[in-house]
Amino acid sequence: MALKRVRYYFGRFNLLAPFHDNKEEFILSGLRSPTFLTRHGQNWQFLRVEPLEAPSAGYVTGYLAKYRPLTDEEVAVPATQDLAEQTIENRVSAKSRFFLHIASGLIAYHPVGSLITRDQFRRRFSEVFETSKGGFFVSAEIQSIQEEETLQEAIKALSVVRSVRIYLHPSNPRLRDVWRRTDERLRELHAADYQEHFHSDSSGDGLRIVHDADINSKVAMAQDGYGRVTVTGLKDGEELSVSTDDNPTNALGPADDAAPEQVLEILEKLFLRILARFEQ
């Protein structure tokens, strides 16, 4: 019988915080904190967090779980052939396993249908981490990692480009030449983030961005997980928006009944491929 597989999506956990020189300790303490976040009657918390060693570098794995503090369940009473209600504490509604490469911030996670969607995971993971640090001077977010040239190819398929929205923030110390100048500029300005919006006149021929080196470098930076770019235009006469969030890098991995080391053995090939971009 074929082993069950789940789809892992890749992103980058970006952290703006005063962790000084010990980033690993700062992240591990946040992930291991017993703090939880309550949203819509359910608690969100990191569970079963543990470090893992791999040939490339240190990883940490665990679950982002949501659970109800109290749940009434119908149970059978065999002795009396009756039914009764029993209150169960902290019943897990869903859990998403994740693998975080601490040095780079690369993270792989698998959503759970409509219970924990991709957007929910990224938002709640960041919120729980911020809560674990008391919310002071800590800003966390997960941006999607996209395959190189994916958005550029989608832009080329548009007959007219009407608008471009760019959101970026400084990288960690690992730079790529293709967006080095943009990143260095953000650092020189001590900017926490950067936003830019280009919009064309609806009666014109649209924005000419396909061969624009500055915009392409910013698109590449967003595709590497340091921001988000959304482009709106026309395709076959219909308005269409394409974004670095649309098609994140992903891979199939073993389900949660597999040992974390087994899962990482599969996923690390893609981790290493993404990290190799920074060595080009």
C-alpha atoms as a PDB file:
ATOM      1  CA  MET A   1       0.000   0.000   0.000  1.00  0.00           C
ATOM      2  CA  ALA A   2       1.361   3.409  -0.989  1.00  0.00           C
ATOM      3  CA  LEU A   3       2.415   5.656   1.847  1.00  0.00           C
ATOM      4  CA  LYS A   4       0.233   8.669   2.475  1.00  0.00           C
ATOM      5  CA  ARG A   5       1.815  11.942   1.378  1.00  0.00           C
ATOM      6  CA  VAL A   6       1.057  15.542   2.259  1.00  0.00           C
ATOM      7  CA  ARG A   7       2.089  18.679   0.431  1.00  0.00           C
ATOM      8  CA  TYR A   8       4.608  20.972   2.059  1.00  0.00           C
ATOM      9  CA  TYR A   9       4.852  24.610   1.024  1.00  0.00           C
ATOM     10  CA  PHE A  10       8.007  26.666   1.379  1.00  0.00           C
ATOM     11  CA  GLY A  11       8.308  30.174   2.731  1.00  0.00           C
ATOM     12  CA  ARG A  12      10.672  32.385   4.659  1.00  0.00           C
ATOM     13  CA  PHE A  13      10.178  33.237   8.323  1.00  0.00           C
ATOM     14  CA  ASN A  14      11.267  36.865   8.512  1.00  0.00           C
ATOM     15  CA  LEU A  15      11.994  38.228  11.949  1.00  0.00           C
ATOM     16  CA  LEU A  16      12.647  41.787  13.023  1.00  0.00           C
ATOM     17  CA  ALA A  17      13.710  41.555  16.666  1.00  0.00           C
ATOM     18  CA  PRO A  18      16.566  42.389  19.063  1.00  0.00           C
ATOM     19  CA  PHE A  19      18.060  38.889  19.139  1.00  0.00           C
ATOM     20  CA  HIS A  20      21.591  40.304  18.807  1.00  0.00           C
ATOM     21  CA  ASP A  21      24.042  37.515  17.923  1.00  0.00           C
ATOM     22  CA  ASN A  22      22.124  34.474  19.145  1.00  0.00           C
ATOM     23  CA  LYS A  23      19.331  34.084  16.630  1.00  0.00           C
ATOM     24  CA  GLU A  24      19.017  30.327  17.200  1.00  0.00           C
ATOM     25  CA  GLU A  25      18.445  30.669  20.936  1.00  0.00           C
ATOM     26  CA  PHE A  26      15.963  33.516  20.389  1.00  0.00           C
ATOM     27  CA  ILE A  27      13.907  31.474  17.900  1.00  0.00           C
ATOM     28  CA  LEU A  28      14.016  28.252  19.906  1.00  0.00           C
ATOM     29  CA  SER A  29      12.881  29.986  23.084  1.00  0.00           C
ATOM     30  CA  GLY A  30       9.943  31.488  21.207  1.00  0.00           C
ATOM     31  CA  LEU A  31       8.915  28.172  19.668  1.00  0.00           C
ATOM     32  CA  ARG A  32       9.246  26.348  22.992  1.00  0.00           C
ATOM     33  CA  SER A  33       7.288  28.917  24.962  1.00  0.00           C
ATOM     34  CA  PRO A  34       4.061  27.555  26.537  1.00  0.00           C
ATOM     35  CA  THR A  35       2.313  30.756  25.448  1.00  0.00           C
ATOM     36  CA  PHE A  36      -0.770  30.306  23.288  1.00  0.00           C
ATOM     37  CA  LEU A  37      -2.941  32.621  21.212  1.00  0.00           C
ATOM     38  CA  THR A  38      -6.748  32.576  21.369  1.00  0.00           C
ATOM     39  CA  ARG A  39      -8.726  33.319  18.217  1.00  0.00           C
ATOM     40  CA  HIS A  40     -12.463  32.663  17.722  1.00  0.00           C
ATOM     41  CA  GLY A  41     -12.699  30.336  20.705  1.00  0.00           C
ATOM     42  CA  GLN A  42      -9.696  28.213  19.767  1.00  0.00           C
ATOM     43  CA  ASN A  43      -6.157  28.263  21.112  1.00  0.00           C
ATOM     44  CA  TRP A  44      -3.146  28.232  18.794  1.00  0.00           C
ATOM     45  CA  GLN A  45       0.189  26.977  20.090  1.00  0.00           C
ATOM     46  CA  PHE A  46       3.508  25.418  19.053  1.00  0.00           C
ATOM     47  CA  LEU A  47       3.702  21.766  20.128  1.00  0.00           C
ATOM     48  CA  ARG A  48       6.390  19.040  20.091  1.00  0.00           C
ATOM     49  CA  VAL A  49       9.154  21.460  19.091  1.00  0.00           C
ATOM     50  CA  GLU A  50      12.553  19.809  18.811  1.00  0.00           C
ATOM     51  CA  PRO A  51      15.844  20.553  17.042  1.00  0.00           C
ATOM     52  CA  LEU A  52      17.015  18.273  14.229  1.00  0.00           C
ATOM     53  CA  GLU A  53      20.458  17.882  12.755  1.00  0.00           C
ATOM     54  CA  ALA A  54      21.016  17.496   9.031  1.00  0.00           C
ATOM     55  CA  PRO A  55      24.069  17.578   6.755  1.00  0.00           C
ATOM     56  CA  SER A  56      23.536  21.209   5.740  1.00  0.00           C
ATOM     57  CA  ALA A  57      22.750  22.899   9.070  1.00  0.00           C
ATOM     58  CA  GLY A  58      20.468  22.883  12.096  1.00  0.00           C
ATOM     59  CA  TYR A  59      16.705  22.639  11.720  1.00  0.00           C
ATOM     60  CA  VAL A  60      13.863  22.750  14.197  1.00  0.00           C
ATOM     61  CA  THR A  61      10.584  20.916  13.738  1.00  0.00           C
ATOM     62  CA  GLY A  62       7.245  20.938  15.486  1.00  0.00           C
ATOM     63  CA  TYR A  63       3.543  21.523  15.010  1.00  0.00           C
ATOM     64  CA  LEU A  64       1.400  24.616  14.866  1.00  0.00           C
ATOM     65  CA  ALA A  65      -1.808  23.299  16.432  1.00  0.00           C
ATOM     66  CA  LYS A  66      -5.211  24.691  17.238  1.00  0.00           C
ATOM     67  CA  TYR A  67      -7.421  23.225  19.940  1.00  0.00           C
ATOM     68  CA  ARG A  68     -10.577  23.996  21.875  1.00  0.00           C
ATOM     69  CA  PRO A  69     -10.153  24.519  25.646  1.00  0.00           C
ATOM     70  CA  LEU A  70     -13.425  22.637  26.329  1.00  0.00           C
ATOM     71  CA  THR A  71     -15.400  20.427  23.963  1.00  0.00           C
ATOM     72  CA  ASP A  72     -18.617  18.535  24.694  1.00  0.00           C
ATOM     73  CA  GLU A  73     -18.565  15.090  23.041  1.00  0.00           C
ATOM     74  CA  GLU A  74     -21.331  12.516  22.889  1.00  0.00           C
ATOM     75  CA  VAL A  75     -20.204   9.186  24.364  1.00  0.00           C
ATOM     76  CA  ALA A  76     -21.758   5.766  24.840  1.00  0.00           C
ATOM     77  CA  VAL A  77     -22.515   4.362  28.304  1.00  0.00           C
ATOM     78  CA  PRO A  78     -22.380   0.581  27.666  1.00  0.00           C
ATOM     79  CA  ALA A  79     -23.600  -0.495  31.123  1.00  0.00           C
ATOM     80  CA  THR A  80     -26.890   1.363  30.762  1.00  0.00           C
ATOM     81  CA  GLN A  81     -27.129   1.298  26.968  1.00  0.00           C
ATOM     82  CA  ASP A  82     -27.415   5.068  27.120  1.00  0.00           C
ATOM     83  CA  LEU A  83     -25.792   8.154  25.641  1.00  0.00           C
ATOM     84  CA  ALA A  84     -24.178  10.955  27.579  1.00  0.00           C
ATOM     85  CA  GLU A  85     -22.098  14.067  27.077  1.00  0.00           C
ATOM     86  CA  GLN A  86     -18.552  14.267  28.274  1.00  0.00           C
ATOM     87  CA  THR A  87     -16.433  17.406  28.415  1.00  0.00           C
ATOM     88  CA  ILE A  88     -12.983  16.995  26.889  1.00  0.00           C
ATOM     89  CA  GLU A  89     -10.224  19.507  27.551  1.00  0.00           C
ATOM     90  CA  ASN A  90      -7.883  20.790  24.839  1.00  0.00           C
ATOM     91  CA  ARG A  91      -9.149  18.603  22.023  1.00  0.00           C
ATOM     92  CA  VAL A  92      -6.922  19.227  18.980  1.00  0.00           C
ATOM     93  CA  SER A  93      -8.876  20.457  15.973  1.00  0.00           C
ATOM     94  CA  ALA A  94      -5.925  20.361  13.554  1.00  0.00           C
ATOM     95  CA  LYS A  95      -2.138  20.517  13.511  1.00  0.00           C
ATOM     96  CA  SER A  96       0.362  21.481  10.826  1.00  0.00           C
ATOM     97  CA  ARG A  97       3.876  20.112  10.956  1.00  0.00           C
ATOM     98  CA  PHE A  98       6.711  22.476  10.055  1.00  0.00           C
ATOM     99  CA  PHE A  99      10.463  22.373   9.498  1.00  0.00           C
ATOM    100  CA  LEU A 100      12.430  25.583  10.012  1.00  0.00           C
ATOM    101  CA  HIS A 101      16.012  26.110   8.831  1.00  0.00           C
ATOM    102  CA  ILE A 102      17.069  28.562  11.506  1.00  0.00           C
ATOM    103  CA  ALA A 103      20.043  30.245   9.843  1.00  0.00           C
ATOM    104  CA  SER A 104      18.169  31.221   6.675  1.00  0.00           C
ATOM    105  CA  GLY A 105      14.596  31.385   7.992  1.00  0.00           C
ATOM    106  CA  LEU A 106      13.403  28.958   5.303  1.00  0.00           C
ATOM    107  CA  ILE A 107      10.334  27.080   6.497  1.00  0.00           C
ATOM    108  CA  ALA A 108       8.377  24.151   5.056  1.00  0.00           C
ATOM    109  CA  TYR A 109       4.866  23.457   6.353  1.00  0.00           C
ATOM    110  CA  HIS A 110       1.807  21.519   5.317  1.00  0.00           C
ATOM    111  CA  PRO A 111      -1.695  23.001   5.564  1.00  0.00           C
ATOM    112  CA  VAL A 112      -4.673  20.909   6.680  1.00  0.00           C
ATOM    113  CA  GLY A 113      -7.457  21.535   4.193  1.00  0.00           C
ATOM    114  CA  SER A 114      -9.807  24.268   5.363  1.00  0.00           C
ATOM    115  CA  LEU A 115      -8.851  23.702   9.027  1.00  0.00           C
ATOM    116  CA  ILE A 116      -5.420  25.329   8.676  1.00  0.00           C
ATOM    117  CA  THR A 117      -5.024  26.955   5.273  1.00  0.00           C
ATOM    118  CA  ARG A 118      -1.765  28.275   3.837  1.00  0.00           C
ATOM    119  CA  ASP A 119      -2.677  31.848   4.710  1.00  0.00           C
ATOM    120  CA  GLN A 120      -3.819  30.832   8.203  1.00  0.00           C
ATOM    121  CA  PHE A 121      -0.612  28.985   8.925  1.00  0.00           C
ATOM    122  CA  ARG A 122       1.570  31.911   7.907  1.00  0.00           C
ATOM    123  CA  ARG A 123      -0.516  34.413   9.855  1.00  0.00           C
ATOM    124  CA  ARG A 124      -1.015  32.361  13.035  1.00  0.00           C
ATOM    125  CA  PHE A 125       2.581  31.109  13.141  1.00  0.00           C
ATOM    126  CA  SER A 126       3.812  34.708  13.161  1.00  0.00           C
ATOM    127  CA  GLU A 127       1.204  35.824  15.683  1.00  0.00           C
ATOM    128  CA  VAL A 128       1.944  32.993  18.104  1.00  0.00           C
ATOM    129  CA  PHE A 129       5.664  33.711  17.891  1.00  0.00           C
ATOM    130  CA  GLU A 130       5.139  37.428  18.541  1.00  0.00           C
ATOM    131  CA  THR A 131       2.893  36.536  21.493  1.00  0.00           C
ATOM    132  CA  SER A 132       5.582  34.232  22.900  1.00  0.00           C
ATOM    133  CA  LYS A 133       7.918  37.236  23.044  1.00  0.00           C
ATOM    134  CA  GLY A 134       5.364  39.496  24.647  1.00  0.00           C
ATOM    135  CA  GLY A 135       4.767  41.376  21.402  1.00  0.00           C
ATOM    136  CA  PHE A 136       7.364  44.022  22.254  1.00  0.00           C
ATOM    137  CA  PHE A 137       9.882  45.016  19.571  1.00  0.00           C
ATOM    138  CA  VAL A 138       9.195  41.785  17.697  1.00  0.00           C
ATOM    139  CA  SER A 139       7.733  41.658  14.217  1.00  0.00           C
ATOM    140  CA  ALA A 140       7.396  38.298  12.473  1.00  0.00           C
ATOM    141  CA  GLU A 141       5.937  37.215   9.145  1.00  0.00           C
ATOM    142  CA  ILE A 142       6.169  34.370   6.655  1.00  0.00           C
ATOM    143  CA  GLN A 143       6.462  35.222   2.963  1.00  0.00           C
ATOM    144  CA  SER A 144       6.126  32.655   0.187  1.00  0.00           C
ATOM    145  CA  ILE A 145       9.153  31.310  -1.669  1.00  0.00           C
ATOM    146  CA  GLN A 146       8.509  31.088  -5.385  1.00  0.00           C
ATOM    147  CA  GLU A 147      10.456  29.351  -8.117  1.00  0.00           C
ATOM    148  CA  GLU A 148      12.703  31.726 -10.031  1.00  0.00           C
ATOM    149  CA  GLU A 149      11.192  33.486 -13.055  1.00  0.00           C
ATOM    150  CA  THR A 150       7.672  32.240 -12.226  1.00  0.00           C
ATOM    151  CA  LEU A 151       6.158  35.690 -11.786  1.00  0.00           C
ATOM    152  CA  GLN A 152       8.203  37.115 -14.663  1.00  0.00           C
ATOM    153  CA  GLU A 153       6.704  34.501 -16.991  1.00  0.00           C
ATOM    154  CA  ALA A 154       3.196  35.300 -15.723  1.00  0.00           C
ATOM    155  CA  ILE A 155       3.813  39.011 -16.380  1.00  0.00           C
ATOM    156  CA  LYS A 156       4.949  38.293 -19.944  1.00  0.00           C
ATOM    157  CA  ALA A 157       1.623  36.507 -20.546  1.00  0.00           C
ATOM    158  CA  LEU A 158      -0.269  39.745 -19.815  1.00  0.00           C
ATOM    159  CA  SER A 159      -1.107  41.830 -22.879  1.00  0.00           C
ATOM    160  CA  VAL A 160      -1.281  45.009 -20.769  1.00  0.00           C
ATOM    161  CA  VAL A 161       0.099  45.713 -17.287  1.00  0.00           C
ATOM    162  CA  ARG A 162      -2.033  48.156 -15.325  1.00  0.00           C
ATOM    163  CA  SER A 163      -0.459  48.172 -11.862  1.00  0.00           C
ATOM    164  CA  VAL A 164       2.472  46.843  -9.866  1.00  0.00           C
ATOM    165  CA  ARG A 165       2.505  46.724  -6.064  1.00  0.00           C
ATOM    166  CA  ILE A 166       5.806  45.982  -4.343  1.00  0.00           C
ATOM    167  CA  TYR A 167       6.383  45.240  -0.668  1.00  0.00           C
ATOM    168  CA  LEU A 168       9.897  44.380   0.528  1.00  0.00           C
ATOM    169  CA  HIS A 169      11.925  44.291   3.717  1.00  0.00           C
ATOM    170  CA  PRO A 170      15.650  43.774   4.351  1.00  0.00           C
ATOM    171  CA  SER A 171      17.048  40.280   4.008  1.00  0.00           C
ATOM    172  CA  ASN A 172      19.091  38.343   6.482  1.00  0.00           C
ATOM    173  CA  PRO A 173      22.843  38.694   5.826  1.00  0.00           C
ATOM    174  CA  ARG A 174      22.790  36.361   2.810  1.00  0.00           C
ATOM    175  CA  LEU A 175      22.481  38.473  -0.345  1.00  0.00           C
ATOM    176  CA  ARG A 176      22.026  37.770  -4.034  1.00  0.00           C
ATOM    177  CA  ASP A 177      23.653  39.943  -6.654  1.00  0.00           C
ATOM    178  CA  VAL A 178      20.384  40.282  -8.547  1.00  0.00           C
ATOM    179  CA  TRP A 179      18.806  42.307  -5.706  1.00  0.00           C
ATOM    180  CA  ARG A 180      21.864  43.299  -3.665  1.00  0.00           C
ATOM    181  CA  ARG A 181      21.550  47.040  -4.384  1.00  0.00           C
ATOM    182  CA  THR A 182      17.881  47.145  -3.334  1.00  0.00           C
ATOM    183  CA  ASP A 183      18.620  45.310  -0.095  1.00  0.00           C
ATOM    184  CA  GLU A 184      21.646  47.464   0.719  1.00  0.00           C
ATOM    185  CA  ARG A 185      19.582  50.595   0.099  1.00  0.00           C
ATOM    186  CA  LEU A 186      16.956  49.459   2.634  1.00  0.00           C
ATOM    187  CA  ARG A 187      19.701  48.860   5.178  1.00  0.00           C
ATOM    188  CA  GLU A 188      21.321  52.239   4.522  1.00  0.00           C
ATOM    189  CA  LEU A 189      17.974  53.904   5.220  1.00  0.00           C
ATOM    190  CA  HIS A 190      17.373  51.721   8.312  1.00  0.00           C
ATOM    191  CA  ALA A 191      14.044  50.814   6.712  1.00  0.00           C
ATOM    192  CA  ALA A 192      11.956  48.064   8.306  1.00  0.00           C
ATOM    193  CA  ASP A 193      10.017  47.676   5.052  1.00  0.00           C
ATOM    194  CA  TYR A 194       9.442  49.340   1.707  1.00  0.00           C
ATOM    195  CA  GLN A 195       6.355  49.776  -0.460  1.00  0.00           C
ATOM    196  CA  GLU A 196       5.979  50.992  -4.012  1.00  0.00           C
ATOM    197  CA  HIS A 197       2.995  51.247  -6.344  1.00  0.00           C
ATOM    198  CA  PHE A 198       3.003  51.917 -10.082  1.00  0.00           C
ATOM    199  CA  HIS A 199      -0.306  52.514 -11.844  1.00  0.00           C
ATOM    200  CA  SER A 200      -0.979  53.273 -15.502  1.00  0.00           C
ATOM    201  CA  ASP A 201      -3.698  55.301 -17.171  1.00  0.00           C
ATOM    202  CA  SER A 202      -6.475  52.908 -18.216  1.00  0.00           C
ATOM    203  CA  SER A 203      -6.543  54.462 -21.684  1.00  0.00           C
ATOM    204  CA  GLY A 204      -2.830  53.892 -22.324  1.00  0.00           C
ATOM    205  CA  ASP A 205      -0.731  50.900 -23.354  1.00  0.00           C
ATOM    206  CA  GLY A 206       0.101  49.979 -19.785  1.00  0.00           C
ATOM    207  CA  LEU A 207       3.308  49.841 -17.814  1.00  0.00           C
ATOM    208  CA  ARG A 208       6.515  48.754 -19.533  1.00  0.00           C
ATOM    209  CA  ILE A 209       8.024  46.578 -16.839  1.00  0.00           C
ATOM    210  CA  VAL A 210       9.040  43.342 -18.586  1.00  0.00           C
ATOM    211  CA  HIS A 211      12.595  44.523 -19.254  1.00  0.00           C
ATOM    212  CA  ASP A 212      12.895  46.964 -16.363  1.00  0.00           C
ATOM    213  CA  ALA A 213      15.988  45.895 -14.384  1.00  0.00           C
ATOM    214  CA  ASP A 214      14.958  47.657 -11.167  1.00  0.00           C
ATOM    215  CA  ILE A 215      11.505  46.076 -11.010  1.00  0.00           C
ATOM    216  CA  ASN A 216      12.831  42.660 -12.010  1.00  0.00           C
ATOM    217  CA  SER A 217      15.380  42.775  -9.199  1.00  0.00           C
ATOM    218  CA  LYS A 218      12.610  43.574  -6.712  1.00  0.00           C
ATOM    219  CA  VAL A 219      10.465  40.749  -8.087  1.00  0.00           C
ATOM    220  CA  ALA A 220      13.419  38.377  -7.594  1.00  0.00           C
ATOM    221  CA  MET A 221      13.851  39.566  -4.005  1.00  0.00           C
ATOM    222  CA  ALA A 222      10.171  38.921  -3.296  1.00  0.00           C
ATOM    223  CA  GLN A 223      10.390  35.474  -4.920  1.00  0.00           C
ATOM    224  CA  ASP A 224      13.243  34.680  -2.532  1.00  0.00           C
ATOM    225  CA  GLY A 225      10.889  35.292   0.387  1.00  0.00           C
ATOM    226  CA  TYR A 226      11.684  38.894   1.326  1.00  0.00           C
ATOM    227  CA  GLY A 227       8.422  40.508   0.352  1.00  0.00           C
ATOM    228  CA  ARG A 228       5.504  40.320  -2.027  1.00  0.00           C
ATOM    229  CA  VAL A 229       4.806  41.623  -5.533  1.00  0.00           C
ATOM    230  CA  THR A 230       1.355  41.783  -7.126  1.00  0.00           C
ATOM    231  CA  VAL A 231       0.838  42.691 -10.779  1.00  0.00           C
ATOM    232  CA  THR A 232      -2.554  43.444 -12.323  1.00  0.00           C
ATOM    233  CA  GLY A 233      -3.227  43.583 -16.048  1.00  0.00           C
ATOM    234  CA  LEU A 234      -5.173  42.104 -18.943  1.00  0.00           C
ATOM    235  CA  LYS A 235      -5.003  38.630 -20.410  1.00  0.00           C
ATOM    236  CA  ASP A 236      -7.316  37.636 -23.259  1.00  0.00           C
ATOM    237  CA  GLY A 237      -9.302  40.790 -22.548  1.00  0.00           C
ATOM    238  CA  GLU A 238      -9.970  39.872 -18.910  1.00  0.00           C
ATOM    239  CA  GLU A 239      -8.455  41.555 -15.852  1.00  0.00           C
ATOM    240  CA  LEU A 240      -6.028  39.295 -14.002  1.00  0.00           C
ATOM    241  CA  SER A 241      -3.820  39.652 -10.924  1.00  0.00           C
ATOM    242  CA  VAL A 242      -0.674  37.576 -10.458  1.00  0.00           C
ATOM    243  CA  SER A 243       1.432  37.503  -7.296  1.00  0.00           C
ATOM    244  CA  THR A 244       4.456  35.905  -5.676  1.00  0.00           C
ATOM    245  CA  ASP A 245       1.909  34.263  -3.335  1.00  0.00           C
ATOM    246  CA  ASP A 246       0.171  32.388  -6.154  1.00  0.00           C
ATOM    247  CA  ASN A 247       2.454  29.423  -6.725  1.00  0.00           C
ATOM    248  CA  PRO A 248       4.809  28.864  -3.805  1.00  0.00           C
ATOM    249  CA  THR A 249       7.546  26.264  -4.089  1.00  0.00           C
ATOM    250  CA  ASN A 250       6.186  22.959  -2.770  1.00  0.00           C
ATOM    251  CA  ALA A 251       6.950  19.265  -2.451  1.00  0.00           C
ATOM    252  CA  LEU A 252       5.266  16.066  -1.328  1.00  0.00           C
ATOM    253  CA  GLY A 253       6.500  14.571   1.939  1.00  0.00           C
ATOM    254  CA  PRO A 254       5.530  11.741   4.300  1.00  0.00           C
ATOM    255  CA  ALA A 255       2.465  12.253   6.496  1.00  0.00           C
ATOM    256  CA  ASP A 256       2.621  13.024  10.213  1.00  0.00           C
ATOM    257  CA  ASP A 257       2.922   9.391  11.272  1.00  0.00           C
ATOM    258  CA  ALA A 258       6.466   9.369   9.846  1.00  0.00           C
ATOM    259  CA  ALA A 259       9.410  10.318  12.030  1.00  0.00           C
ATOM    260  CA  PRO A 260      10.518  13.937  11.527  1.00  0.00           C
ATOM    261  CA  GLU A 261      13.972  12.756  10.381  1.00  0.00           C
ATOM    262  CA  GLN A 262      12.318  10.793   7.555  1.00  0.00           C
ATOM    263  CA  VAL A 263      10.315  13.807   6.436  1.00  0.00           C
ATOM    264  CA  LEU A 264      13.327  16.120   6.530  1.00  0.00           C
ATOM    265  CA  GLU A 265      15.349  13.659   4.474  1.00  0.00           C
ATOM    266  CA  ILE A 266      12.851  14.209   1.649  1.00  0.00           C
ATOM    267  CA  LEU A 267      12.344  17.944   2.096  1.00  0.00           C
ATOM    268  CA  GLU A 268      15.989  18.860   2.552  1.00  0.00           C
ATOM    269  CA  LYS A 269      16.682  18.406  -1.161  1.00  0.00           C
ATOM    270  CA  LEU A 270      14.407  21.354  -1.841  1.00  0.00           C
ATOM    271  CA  PHE A 271      15.772  23.328   1.108  1.00  0.00           C
ATOM    272  CA  LEU A 272      19.257  22.954  -0.360  1.00  0.00           C
ATOM    273  CA  ARG A 273      18.101  23.907  -3.862  1.00  0.00           C
ATOM    274  CA  ILE A 274      16.618  27.154  -2.543  1.00  0.00           C
ATOM    275  CA  LEU A 275      19.737  27.896  -0.475  1.00  0.00           C
ATOM    276  CA  ALA A 276      21.868  27.332  -3.586  1.00  0.00           C
ATOM    277  CA  ARG A 277      20.361  30.452  -5.167  1.00  0.00           C
ATOM    278  CA  PHE A 278      22.460  32.533  -2.788  1.00  0.00           C
ATOM    279  CA  GLU A 279      25.670  30.920  -3.975  1.00  0.00           C
ATOM    280  CA  GLN A 280      25.182  31.895  -7.615  1.00  0.00           C
END
